[in-house]
Amino acid sequence: MDLECGVSADRQTAIVCVDRQLGAAELEQLIENLMACRSEMVPRRRAVMFPGARILVGSGVHRQAAGVGRAMVAVHHPGIGWIGATAENCPPTTT
């Protein structure tokens, strides 16, 4: 394949080579490769879901109430950061 993504030995920089137009499946593969490269680089991604809202990453999973019967659930991916969704009809959060 003519798609390459690699991380330097010091893990500070990456090189990405694409020498042609990409179809949807090839673009998906490149995105996966880019996420893998980013997860190997330093500095690590900060655990920030949105500006001003820092969340400590313990297990890499976060759940918080988002209104009555709703919860926001997110997982921290080292290559792209937080990935999440709002869930409906959730039991109340316990502390």
Protein backbone atom coordinates (compact mmCIF):
# COMPACT_ATOMS: atom_id res chain seq x y z
CA MET A 1 0.00 0.00 0.00
CA ASP A 2 1.25 3.52 -0.76
CA LEU A 3 0.07 4.84 2.62
CA GLU A 4 2.66 5.21 5.33
CA CYS A 5 2.65 6.63 8.81
CA GLY A 6 5.61 6.24 11.14
CA VAL A 7 6.96 7.75 14.33
CA SER A 8 10.54 8.93 14.78
CA ALA A 9 12.88 7.16 17.22
CA ASP A 10 12.55 10.02 19.72
CA ARG A 11 8.73 9.80 19.40
CA GLN A 12 8.52 13.57 18.83
CA THR A 13 7.57 13.65 15.14
CA ALA A 14 5.71 11.56 12.60
CA ILE A 15 5.98 11.17 8.86
CA VAL A 16 2.93 10.56 6.72
CA CYS A 17 3.17 9.64 3.04
CA VAL A 18 0.20 9.40 0.71
CA ASP A 19 1.03 9.54 -2.98
CA ARG A 20 -2.44 9.27 -4.51
CA GLN A 21 -6.13 9.96 -4.05
CA LEU A 22 -7.83 7.72 -1.50
CA GLY A 23 -11.15 5.92 -1.56
CA ALA A 24 -13.28 5.63 1.57
CA ALA A 25 -11.78 2.31 2.74
CA GLU A 26 -8.21 3.53 2.22
CA LEU A 27 -8.96 6.77 4.06
CA GLU A 28 -10.35 4.77 6.98
CA GLN A 29 -7.11 2.74 7.04
CA LEU A 30 -5.05 5.92 7.02
CA ILE A 31 -7.08 7.34 9.92
CA GLU A 32 -6.47 4.14 11.91
CA ASN A 33 -2.75 4.38 11.14
CA LEU A 34 -2.67 8.04 12.18
CA MET A 35 -4.37 7.21 15.50
CA ALA A 36 -1.84 4.45 16.13
CA CYS A 37 1.05 6.78 15.32
CA ARG A 38 -0.29 9.53 17.59
CA SER A 39 -0.73 7.10 20.47
CA GLU A 40 3.01 6.27 20.23
CA MET A 41 4.14 9.90 20.27
CA VAL A 42 5.14 12.17 23.13
CA PRO A 43 3.93 14.27 24.73
CA ARG A 44 0.90 12.10 25.46
CA ARG A 45 -2.53 13.57 24.79
CA ARG A 46 -3.91 15.45 27.74
CA ALA A 47 -7.12 14.14 29.21
CA VAL A 48 -9.30 17.11 28.26
CA MET A 49 -12.81 16.54 26.94
CA PHE A 50 -13.36 20.18 26.03
CA PRO A 51 -11.55 23.44 26.88
CA GLY A 52 -11.66 24.22 30.59
CA ALA A 53 -12.91 20.77 31.67
CA ARG A 54 -9.98 18.62 32.70
CA ILE A 55 -10.74 15.05 33.63
CA LEU A 56 -8.19 12.80 35.24
CA VAL A 57 -7.72 9.57 33.37
CA GLY A 58 -7.62 6.67 35.76
CA SER A 59 -9.21 3.78 33.98
CA GLY A 60 -9.68 5.81 30.80
CA VAL A 61 -13.47 5.77 31.19
CA HIS A 62 -15.66 8.62 32.40
CA ARG A 63 -19.39 8.80 33.14
CA GLN A 64 -21.28 11.83 34.29
CA ALA A 65 -24.93 12.82 34.61
CA ALA A 66 -26.21 14.89 31.69
CA GLY A 67 -29.72 15.57 32.95
CA VAL A 68 -32.48 13.38 34.36
CA GLY A 69 -32.25 9.90 32.84
CA ARG A 70 -29.27 10.84 30.68
CA ALA A 71 -25.57 10.19 31.09
CA MET A 72 -22.48 11.04 29.13
CA VAL A 73 -20.07 8.12 28.75
CA ALA A 74 -16.58 8.59 27.31
CA VAL A 75 -13.47 6.50 26.73
CA HIS A 76 -10.00 8.00 26.37
CA HIS A 77 -8.10 6.81 23.29
CA PRO A 78 -4.37 7.67 23.39
CA GLY A 79 -4.35 8.57 19.70
CA ILE A 80 -7.41 10.77 19.35
CA GLY A 81 -8.46 11.66 22.89
CA TRP A 82 -11.96 11.34 24.29
CA ILE A 83 -14.65 9.48 22.37
CA GLY A 84 -18.10 9.64 23.88
CA ALA A 85 -21.83 9.52 23.58
CA THR A 86 -24.89 10.51 25.54
CA ALA A 87 -26.96 7.58 26.80
CA GLU A 88 -30.72 7.85 27.42
CA ASN A 89 -32.88 6.24 30.13
CA CYS A 90 -29.98 5.76 32.55
CA PRO A 91 -30.35 5.02 36.24
CA PRO A 92 -29.22 7.85 38.54
CA THR A 93 -25.47 8.18 39.11
CA THR A 94 -24.43 6.99 42.55
CA THR A 95 -21.48 8.32 44.52
